[in-house]
């Protein structure tokens, strides 16, 4: 994790750069709190017996939780003046079960200047403890350019 008060500038970013990852142990408490916070009260996210009845091996993290950990990884890296412009392509390919640890891995895929803005495309994914990519996609951000006035 980086200090979110530290600002990253567009000119300092290169394609291939790895972002510092984040990891979250998936406890029952965390899954119940996440389900309540994002109002996804489907029992598969907080009730083991129900989840097993659907064929899952255990209760598991929902999509909103995984997108939230993506955002945490990206916001820590871009700093306070960076902006998330879009999240694209997230597809839940597998589950992150309670008792597992979800890890976010990300790297800079592309950089470009668009209408004067420094745009960065980030390839990002969640992995379970076995290294299986659970949810890959991309996040598009803008970073301030050196010499720009900060509001």
N, C-alpha and C. Protein backbone atom coordinates (compact mmCIF):
# COMPACT_ATOMS: atom_id res chain seq x y z
N UNK A 1 0.84 -1.17 0.00
CA UNK A 1 0.00 0.00 0.00
C UNK A 1 0.89 1.23 0.00
N UNK A 2 0.51 2.22 -0.81
CA UNK A 2 1.24 3.47 -0.82
C UNK A 2 0.44 4.51 -0.06
N UNK A 3 1.06 5.62 0.24
CA UNK A 3 0.41 6.71 0.94
C UNK A 3 -0.44 7.48 -0.06
N UNK A 4 -1.76 7.50 0.14
CA UNK A 4 -2.66 8.15 -0.83
C UNK A 4 -2.46 9.66 -0.88
N UNK A 5 -1.71 10.22 0.05
CA UNK A 5 -1.42 11.65 -0.01
C UNK A 5 -0.28 11.95 -0.97
N UNK A 6 0.46 10.94 -1.38
CA UNK A 6 1.55 11.11 -2.33
C UNK A 6 0.98 11.12 -3.73
N UNK A 7 1.25 12.19 -4.46
CA UNK A 7 0.67 12.32 -5.80
C UNK A 7 1.57 11.68 -6.85
N UNK A 8 0.97 10.90 -7.71
CA UNK A 8 1.65 10.32 -8.87
C UNK A 8 1.35 11.23 -10.05
N UNK A 9 2.37 11.48 -10.87
CA UNK A 9 2.21 12.33 -12.06
C UNK A 9 2.34 11.50 -13.33
N UNK A 10 1.63 11.93 -14.35
CA UNK A 10 1.58 11.21 -15.61
C UNK A 10 2.97 10.97 -16.18
N UNK A 11 3.82 11.97 -16.11
CA UNK A 11 5.16 11.86 -16.70
C UNK A 11 6.04 10.81 -16.02
N UNK A 12 5.67 10.40 -14.83
CA UNK A 12 6.47 9.43 -14.08
C UNK A 12 6.01 7.98 -14.27
N UNK A 13 5.03 7.77 -15.15
CA UNK A 13 4.43 6.45 -15.33
C UNK A 13 4.89 5.85 -16.66
N UNK A 14 5.20 4.56 -16.65
CA UNK A 14 5.59 3.86 -17.87
C UNK A 14 4.79 2.58 -18.02
N UNK A 15 4.50 2.22 -19.27
CA UNK A 15 3.83 0.94 -19.54
C UNK A 15 4.65 -0.19 -18.94
N UNK A 16 3.98 -1.15 -18.35
CA UNK A 16 4.64 -2.28 -17.72
C UNK A 16 4.87 -2.11 -16.22
N UNK A 17 4.75 -0.89 -15.72
CA UNK A 17 4.94 -0.64 -14.30
C UNK A 17 3.90 -1.40 -13.48
N UNK A 18 4.36 -2.07 -12.43
CA UNK A 18 3.47 -2.81 -11.54
C UNK A 18 2.98 -1.88 -10.43
N UNK A 19 1.69 -1.93 -10.15
CA UNK A 19 1.14 -1.20 -9.03
C UNK A 19 1.32 -2.04 -7.77
N UNK A 20 1.50 -1.40 -6.61
CA UNK A 20 1.54 -2.18 -5.37
C UNK A 20 0.20 -2.88 -5.19
N UNK A 21 0.22 -4.15 -4.91
CA UNK A 21 -1.02 -4.90 -4.75
C UNK A 21 -1.62 -4.70 -3.37
N UNK A 22 -2.84 -5.15 -3.23
CA UNK A 22 -3.50 -5.19 -1.92
C UNK A 22 -4.01 -6.61 -1.71
N UNK A 23 -4.14 -7.01 -0.46
CA UNK A 23 -4.64 -8.34 -0.13
C UNK A 23 -5.63 -8.23 1.03
N UNK A 24 -6.70 -8.98 0.92
CA UNK A 24 -7.73 -9.00 1.95
C UNK A 24 -8.08 -10.43 2.33
N UNK A 25 -7.85 -10.82 3.58
CA UNK A 25 -8.35 -12.12 4.03
C UNK A 25 -9.88 -12.05 4.07
N UNK A 26 -10.54 -13.06 3.53
CA UNK A 26 -12.00 -13.08 3.49
C UNK A 26 -12.53 -13.81 4.72
N UNK A 27 -12.94 -13.03 5.69
CA UNK A 27 -13.54 -13.57 6.91
C UNK A 27 -15.06 -13.50 6.78
N UNK A 28 -15.74 -14.25 7.61
CA UNK A 28 -17.21 -14.16 7.64
C UNK A 28 -17.61 -12.73 7.96
N UNK A 29 -16.97 -12.13 8.93
CA UNK A 29 -17.27 -10.75 9.31
C UNK A 29 -17.14 -9.80 8.11
N UNK A 30 -16.05 -9.90 7.38
CA UNK A 30 -15.82 -9.02 6.23
C UNK A 30 -16.91 -9.22 5.16
N UNK A 31 -17.27 -10.46 4.87
CA UNK A 31 -18.28 -10.72 3.85
C UNK A 31 -19.66 -10.22 4.28
N UNK A 32 -20.00 -10.41 5.55
CA UNK A 32 -21.29 -9.91 6.05
C UNK A 32 -21.32 -8.39 6.00
N UNK A 33 -20.25 -7.74 6.43
CA UNK A 33 -20.20 -6.27 6.39
C UNK A 33 -20.27 -5.76 4.96
N UNK A 34 -19.58 -6.41 4.04
CA UNK A 34 -19.61 -5.99 2.63
C UNK A 34 -21.00 -6.17 2.05
N UNK A 35 -21.65 -7.28 2.34
CA UNK A 35 -23.01 -7.52 1.83
C UNK A 35 -23.96 -6.44 2.34
N UNK A 36 -23.83 -6.08 3.61
CA UNK A 36 -24.68 -5.02 4.16
C UNK A 36 -24.37 -3.66 3.57
N UNK A 37 -23.09 -3.37 3.39
CA UNK A 37 -22.68 -2.06 2.87
C UNK A 37 -23.13 -1.85 1.43
N UNK A 38 -23.09 -2.90 0.62
CA UNK A 38 -23.47 -2.70 -0.78
C UNK A 38 -24.87 -3.26 -1.08
N UNK A 39 -25.59 -3.61 -0.01
CA UNK A 39 -27.00 -4.02 -0.09
C UNK A 39 -27.23 -5.24 -0.98
N UNK A 40 -26.27 -6.12 -1.00
CA UNK A 40 -26.43 -7.38 -1.72
C UNK A 40 -26.73 -8.45 -0.68
N UNK A 41 -28.01 -8.65 -0.41
CA UNK A 41 -28.41 -9.54 0.67
C UNK A 41 -28.65 -10.97 0.21
N UNK A 42 -28.15 -11.32 -0.97
CA UNK A 42 -28.26 -12.70 -1.42
C UNK A 42 -27.50 -13.58 -0.44
N UNK A 43 -28.16 -14.60 0.06
CA UNK A 43 -27.59 -15.45 1.12
C UNK A 43 -26.31 -16.16 0.72
N UNK A 44 -26.01 -16.28 -0.57
CA UNK A 44 -24.76 -16.93 -0.98
C UNK A 44 -23.53 -16.17 -0.51
N UNK A 45 -23.72 -14.90 -0.12
CA UNK A 45 -22.59 -14.07 0.30
C UNK A 45 -22.41 -14.02 1.82
N UNK A 46 -23.33 -14.65 2.58
CA UNK A 46 -23.18 -14.59 4.04
C UNK A 46 -23.74 -15.80 4.77
N UNK A 47 -24.11 -16.86 4.04
CA UNK A 47 -24.69 -18.03 4.69
C UNK A 47 -24.11 -19.30 4.05
N UNK A 48 -23.25 -19.97 4.79
CA UNK A 48 -22.56 -21.15 4.27
C UNK A 48 -23.54 -22.23 3.80
N UNK A 49 -24.52 -22.55 4.63
CA UNK A 49 -25.47 -23.62 4.28
C UNK A 49 -26.20 -23.29 2.98
N UNK A 50 -26.65 -22.06 2.86
CA UNK A 50 -27.35 -21.66 1.64
C UNK A 50 -26.41 -21.74 0.43
N UNK A 51 -25.20 -21.20 0.58
CA UNK A 51 -24.23 -21.22 -0.53
C UNK A 51 -23.94 -22.65 -0.98
N UNK A 52 -23.74 -23.54 -0.03
CA UNK A 52 -23.49 -24.95 -0.38
C UNK A 52 -24.68 -25.57 -1.09
N UNK A 53 -25.89 -25.15 -0.73
CA UNK A 53 -27.09 -25.64 -1.39
C UNK A 53 -27.19 -25.23 -2.85
N UNK A 54 -26.44 -24.21 -3.24
CA UNK A 54 -26.42 -23.77 -4.65
C UNK A 54 -25.31 -24.45 -5.44
N UNK A 55 -24.49 -25.25 -4.75
CA UNK A 55 -23.38 -25.92 -5.42
C UNK A 55 -22.02 -25.29 -5.16
N UNK A 56 -22.01 -24.13 -4.50
CA UNK A 56 -20.74 -23.49 -4.14
C UNK A 56 -20.15 -24.24 -2.94
N UNK A 57 -18.82 -24.20 -2.80
CA UNK A 57 -18.21 -24.91 -1.67
C UNK A 57 -18.33 -24.12 -0.37
N UNK A 58 -18.61 -22.82 -0.47
CA UNK A 58 -18.65 -21.96 0.71
C UNK A 58 -19.26 -20.62 0.29
N UNK A 59 -19.62 -19.78 1.27
CA UNK A 59 -20.05 -18.41 0.92
C UNK A 59 -18.88 -17.69 0.27
N UNK A 60 -19.18 -16.69 -0.58
CA UNK A 60 -18.09 -16.04 -1.31
C UNK A 60 -18.34 -14.55 -1.50
N UNK A 61 -17.28 -13.83 -1.80
CA UNK A 61 -17.33 -12.38 -1.98
C UNK A 61 -18.16 -12.04 -3.21
N UNK A 62 -18.90 -10.93 -3.12
CA UNK A 62 -19.70 -10.51 -4.26
C UNK A 62 -18.91 -9.57 -5.17
N UNK A 63 -19.49 -9.30 -6.32
CA UNK A 63 -18.84 -8.47 -7.34
C UNK A 63 -18.50 -7.09 -6.81
N UNK A 64 -19.43 -6.47 -6.08
CA UNK A 64 -19.18 -5.12 -5.56
C UNK A 64 -17.97 -5.09 -4.63
N UNK A 65 -17.80 -6.13 -3.83
CA UNK A 65 -16.64 -6.20 -2.95
C UNK A 65 -15.36 -6.24 -3.77
N UNK A 66 -15.34 -7.10 -4.79
CA UNK A 66 -14.13 -7.23 -5.61
C UNK A 66 -13.83 -5.94 -6.36
N UNK A 67 -14.85 -5.26 -6.89
CA UNK A 67 -14.62 -3.97 -7.54
C UNK A 67 -14.11 -2.94 -6.53
N UNK A 68 -14.57 -3.04 -5.31
CA UNK A 68 -14.09 -2.14 -4.26
C UNK A 68 -12.61 -2.33 -3.96
N UNK A 69 -12.14 -3.58 -3.98
CA UNK A 69 -10.71 -3.79 -3.73
C UNK A 69 -9.89 -3.35 -4.93
N UNK A 70 -10.46 -3.46 -6.15
CA UNK A 70 -9.80 -2.86 -7.32
C UNK A 70 -9.60 -1.37 -7.07
N UNK A 71 -10.70 -0.72 -6.68
CA UNK A 71 -10.64 0.73 -6.47
C UNK A 71 -9.61 1.09 -5.42
N UNK A 72 -9.54 0.33 -4.35
CA UNK A 72 -8.56 0.60 -3.29
C UNK A 72 -7.14 0.56 -3.85
N UNK A 73 -6.84 -0.46 -4.63
CA UNK A 73 -5.51 -0.61 -5.23
C UNK A 73 -5.19 0.59 -6.12
N UNK A 74 -6.13 0.97 -6.95
CA UNK A 74 -5.90 2.05 -7.91
C UNK A 74 -5.82 3.40 -7.21
N UNK A 75 -6.74 3.69 -6.29
CA UNK A 75 -6.72 4.99 -5.60
C UNK A 75 -5.46 5.18 -4.77
N UNK A 76 -4.99 4.12 -4.13
CA UNK A 76 -3.74 4.22 -3.39
C UNK A 76 -2.59 4.63 -4.31
N UNK A 77 -2.62 4.17 -5.55
CA UNK A 77 -1.54 4.41 -6.50
C UNK A 77 -1.64 5.78 -7.16
N UNK A 78 -2.84 6.24 -7.53
CA UNK A 78 -2.98 7.48 -8.29
C UNK A 78 -2.84 8.74 -7.45
N UNK A 79 -3.08 8.66 -6.15
CA UNK A 79 -2.97 9.83 -5.30
C UNK A 79 -4.22 10.70 -5.35
N UNK A 80 -4.24 11.76 -4.54
CA UNK A 80 -5.46 12.54 -4.36
C UNK A 80 -5.94 13.31 -5.59
N UNK A 81 -5.06 13.67 -6.50
CA UNK A 81 -5.49 14.43 -7.69
C UNK A 81 -5.75 13.53 -8.90
N UNK A 82 -5.53 12.24 -8.76
CA UNK A 82 -5.85 11.31 -9.84
C UNK A 82 -7.35 11.03 -9.85
N UNK A 83 -7.85 10.65 -11.01
CA UNK A 83 -9.28 10.39 -11.18
C UNK A 83 -9.50 9.05 -11.87
N UNK A 84 -10.41 8.27 -11.36
CA UNK A 84 -10.82 7.05 -12.06
C UNK A 84 -11.88 7.44 -13.07
N UNK A 85 -11.60 7.21 -14.36
CA UNK A 85 -12.55 7.55 -15.43
C UNK A 85 -13.46 6.40 -15.79
N UNK A 86 -12.99 5.19 -15.63
CA UNK A 86 -13.83 4.06 -16.00
C UNK A 86 -13.26 2.74 -15.55
N UNK A 87 -14.16 1.79 -15.33
CA UNK A 87 -13.80 0.41 -15.01
C UNK A 87 -14.44 -0.44 -16.09
N UNK A 88 -13.63 -1.27 -16.74
CA UNK A 88 -14.11 -2.01 -17.91
C UNK A 88 -13.78 -3.49 -17.82
N UNK A 89 -14.68 -4.31 -18.30
CA UNK A 89 -14.40 -5.71 -18.57
C UNK A 89 -14.40 -6.66 -17.40
N UNK A 90 -14.80 -6.22 -16.21
CA UNK A 90 -14.79 -7.14 -15.08
C UNK A 90 -15.71 -8.32 -15.36
N UNK A 91 -15.19 -9.51 -15.21
CA UNK A 91 -15.97 -10.74 -15.36
C UNK A 91 -15.60 -11.69 -14.23
N UNK A 92 -16.59 -12.10 -13.47
CA UNK A 92 -16.36 -13.04 -12.38
C UNK A 92 -16.17 -14.42 -13.00
N UNK A 93 -14.94 -14.93 -12.93
CA UNK A 93 -14.61 -16.23 -13.54
C UNK A 93 -14.62 -17.37 -12.53
N UNK A 94 -14.47 -17.03 -11.29
CA UNK A 94 -14.41 -18.01 -10.22
C UNK A 94 -14.82 -17.29 -8.95
N UNK A 95 -14.75 -17.94 -7.82
CA UNK A 95 -15.17 -17.31 -6.57
C UNK A 95 -14.01 -17.15 -5.61
N UNK A 96 -14.12 -16.15 -4.76
CA UNK A 96 -13.23 -15.96 -3.63
C UNK A 96 -14.03 -16.34 -2.39
N UNK A 97 -13.74 -17.51 -1.85
CA UNK A 97 -14.50 -18.06 -0.73
C UNK A 97 -14.01 -17.55 0.61
N UNK A 98 -14.92 -17.55 1.58
CA UNK A 98 -14.55 -17.22 2.95
C UNK A 98 -13.40 -18.14 3.36
N UNK A 99 -12.43 -17.60 4.07
CA UNK A 99 -11.24 -18.35 4.46
C UNK A 99 -10.09 -18.18 3.48
N UNK A 100 -10.38 -17.66 2.30
CA UNK A 100 -9.37 -17.42 1.28
C UNK A 100 -8.83 -15.99 1.45
N UNK A 101 -7.84 -15.63 0.68
CA UNK A 101 -7.34 -14.26 0.63
C UNK A 101 -7.45 -13.79 -0.81
N UNK A 102 -8.10 -12.64 -1.01
CA UNK A 102 -8.18 -12.07 -2.34
C UNK A 102 -7.02 -11.08 -2.49
N UNK A 103 -6.31 -11.19 -3.61
CA UNK A 103 -5.19 -10.30 -3.90
C UNK A 103 -5.48 -9.57 -5.20
N UNK A 104 -5.16 -8.29 -5.22
CA UNK A 104 -5.33 -7.49 -6.43
C UNK A 104 -3.95 -7.28 -7.03
N UNK A 105 -3.83 -7.59 -8.30
CA UNK A 105 -2.59 -7.40 -9.07
C UNK A 105 -2.92 -6.45 -10.22
N UNK A 106 -2.04 -5.50 -10.48
CA UNK A 106 -2.31 -4.52 -11.52
C UNK A 106 -1.00 -4.02 -12.13
N UNK A 107 -1.08 -3.63 -13.39
CA UNK A 107 0.08 -3.04 -14.07
C UNK A 107 -0.40 -2.05 -15.12
N UNK A 108 0.46 -1.11 -15.43
CA UNK A 108 0.16 -0.10 -16.45
C UNK A 108 0.22 -0.77 -17.81
N UNK A 109 -0.86 -0.66 -18.54
CA UNK A 109 -0.95 -1.26 -19.87
C UNK A 109 -0.61 -0.24 -20.96
N UNK A 110 -1.04 1.02 -20.76
CA UNK A 110 -0.84 2.04 -21.79
C UNK A 110 -0.92 3.42 -21.16
N UNK A 111 -0.23 4.37 -21.76
CA UNK A 111 -0.34 5.78 -21.37
C UNK A 111 -0.54 6.60 -22.63
N UNK A 112 -1.29 7.70 -22.50
CA UNK A 112 -1.50 8.59 -23.64
C UNK A 112 -1.98 9.94 -23.13
N UNK A 113 -1.78 10.95 -23.97
CA UNK A 113 -2.33 12.27 -23.69
C UNK A 113 -3.58 12.41 -24.55
N UNK A 114 -4.68 12.75 -23.92
CA UNK A 114 -5.97 12.86 -24.60
C UNK A 114 -6.60 14.20 -24.20
N UNK A 115 -6.72 15.11 -25.17
CA UNK A 115 -7.26 16.45 -24.89
C UNK A 115 -6.52 17.12 -23.74
N UNK A 116 -5.22 16.93 -23.70
CA UNK A 116 -4.38 17.54 -22.68
C UNK A 116 -4.29 16.77 -21.37
N UNK A 117 -5.11 15.74 -21.21
CA UNK A 117 -5.12 14.98 -19.96
C UNK A 117 -4.20 13.77 -20.06
N UNK A 118 -3.51 13.46 -18.98
CA UNK A 118 -2.67 12.26 -18.92
C UNK A 118 -3.52 11.05 -18.56
N UNK A 119 -3.74 10.19 -19.54
CA UNK A 119 -4.61 9.02 -19.36
C UNK A 119 -3.75 7.77 -19.22
N UNK A 120 -4.09 6.94 -18.26
CA UNK A 120 -3.37 5.69 -18.01
C UNK A 120 -4.38 4.54 -18.00
N UNK A 121 -4.08 3.50 -18.77
CA UNK A 121 -4.89 2.27 -18.78
C UNK A 121 -4.18 1.25 -17.89
N UNK A 122 -4.90 0.71 -16.95
CA UNK A 122 -4.35 -0.24 -15.99
C UNK A 122 -5.01 -1.60 -16.18
N UNK A 123 -4.22 -2.63 -16.43
CA UNK A 123 -4.72 -4.01 -16.45
C UNK A 123 -4.76 -4.47 -14.99
N UNK A 124 -5.89 -5.03 -14.58
CA UNK A 124 -6.07 -5.36 -13.16
C UNK A 124 -6.83 -6.67 -13.03
N UNK A 125 -6.57 -7.37 -11.94
CA UNK A 125 -7.27 -8.62 -11.70
C UNK A 125 -7.27 -8.94 -10.20
N UNK A 126 -8.24 -9.72 -9.79
CA UNK A 126 -8.26 -10.31 -8.46
C UNK A 126 -7.79 -11.74 -8.60
N UNK A 127 -7.04 -12.20 -7.63
CA UNK A 127 -6.59 -13.60 -7.60
C UNK A 127 -6.97 -14.19 -6.26
N UNK A 128 -7.26 -15.49 -6.27
CA UNK A 128 -7.47 -16.17 -5.00
C UNK A 128 -6.12 -16.69 -4.49
N UNK A 129 -6.12 -17.37 -3.37
CA UNK A 129 -4.87 -17.84 -2.76
C UNK A 129 -4.12 -18.84 -3.62
N UNK A 130 -4.82 -19.48 -4.55
CA UNK A 130 -4.18 -20.43 -5.46
C UNK A 130 -3.61 -19.75 -6.69
N UNK A 131 -3.75 -18.42 -6.79
CA UNK A 131 -3.25 -17.69 -7.95
C UNK A 131 -4.19 -17.70 -9.13
N UNK A 132 -5.42 -18.19 -8.95
CA UNK A 132 -6.41 -18.21 -10.03
C UNK A 132 -6.97 -16.81 -10.21
N UNK A 133 -6.96 -16.32 -11.45
CA UNK A 133 -7.51 -15.01 -11.75
C UNK A 133 -9.03 -15.08 -11.68
N UNK A 134 -9.59 -14.39 -10.72
CA UNK A 134 -11.02 -14.44 -10.45
C UNK A 134 -11.76 -13.38 -11.25
N UNK A 135 -11.21 -12.21 -11.39
CA UNK A 135 -11.90 -11.14 -12.08
C UNK A 135 -10.93 -10.20 -12.76
N UNK A 136 -10.64 -10.41 -14.04
CA UNK A 136 -9.75 -9.49 -14.76
C UNK A 136 -10.52 -8.37 -15.44
N UNK A 137 -9.83 -7.29 -15.75
CA UNK A 137 -10.42 -6.17 -16.47
C UNK A 137 -9.43 -5.03 -16.58
N UNK A 138 -9.94 -3.84 -16.86
CA UNK A 138 -9.08 -2.66 -16.95
C UNK A 138 -9.72 -1.49 -16.21
N UNK A 139 -8.87 -0.60 -15.75
CA UNK A 139 -9.30 0.65 -15.13
C UNK A 139 -8.60 1.77 -15.88
N UNK A 140 -9.35 2.79 -16.26
CA UNK A 140 -8.79 3.96 -16.94
C UNK A 140 -8.78 5.11 -15.95
N UNK A 141 -7.61 5.73 -15.80
CA UNK A 141 -7.47 6.85 -14.87
C UNK A 141 -6.84 8.04 -15.57
N UNK A 142 -7.02 9.21 -14.98
CA UNK A 142 -6.27 10.38 -15.41
C UNK A 142 -5.37 10.79 -14.25
N UNK A 143 -4.18 11.22 -14.60
CA UNK A 143 -3.22 11.71 -13.63
C UNK A 143 -2.86 13.14 -14.00
N UNK A 144 -2.58 13.97 -13.00
CA UNK A 144 -2.15 15.33 -13.33
C UNK A 144 -0.80 15.30 -14.03
N UNK A 145 -0.61 16.30 -14.87
CA UNK A 145 0.68 16.44 -15.55
C UNK A 145 1.51 17.46 -14.78
N UNK A 146 2.80 17.27 -14.76
CA UNK A 146 3.68 18.19 -14.03
C UNK A 146 3.49 19.61 -14.57
N UNK A 147 3.41 20.54 -13.66
CA UNK A 147 3.22 21.93 -14.04
C UNK A 147 1.76 22.35 -14.10
N UNK A 148 0.84 21.38 -14.03
CA UNK A 148 -0.58 21.73 -14.00
C UNK A 148 -0.92 22.30 -12.65
N UNK A 149 -1.83 23.22 -12.65
CA UNK A 149 -2.31 23.78 -11.40
C UNK A 149 -3.21 22.76 -10.70
N UNK A 150 -2.98 22.51 -9.42
CA UNK A 150 -3.82 21.59 -8.64
C UNK A 150 -4.90 22.38 -7.93
N UNK A 151 -6.13 21.90 -8.03
CA UNK A 151 -7.26 22.59 -7.38
C UNK A 151 -7.27 22.32 -5.90
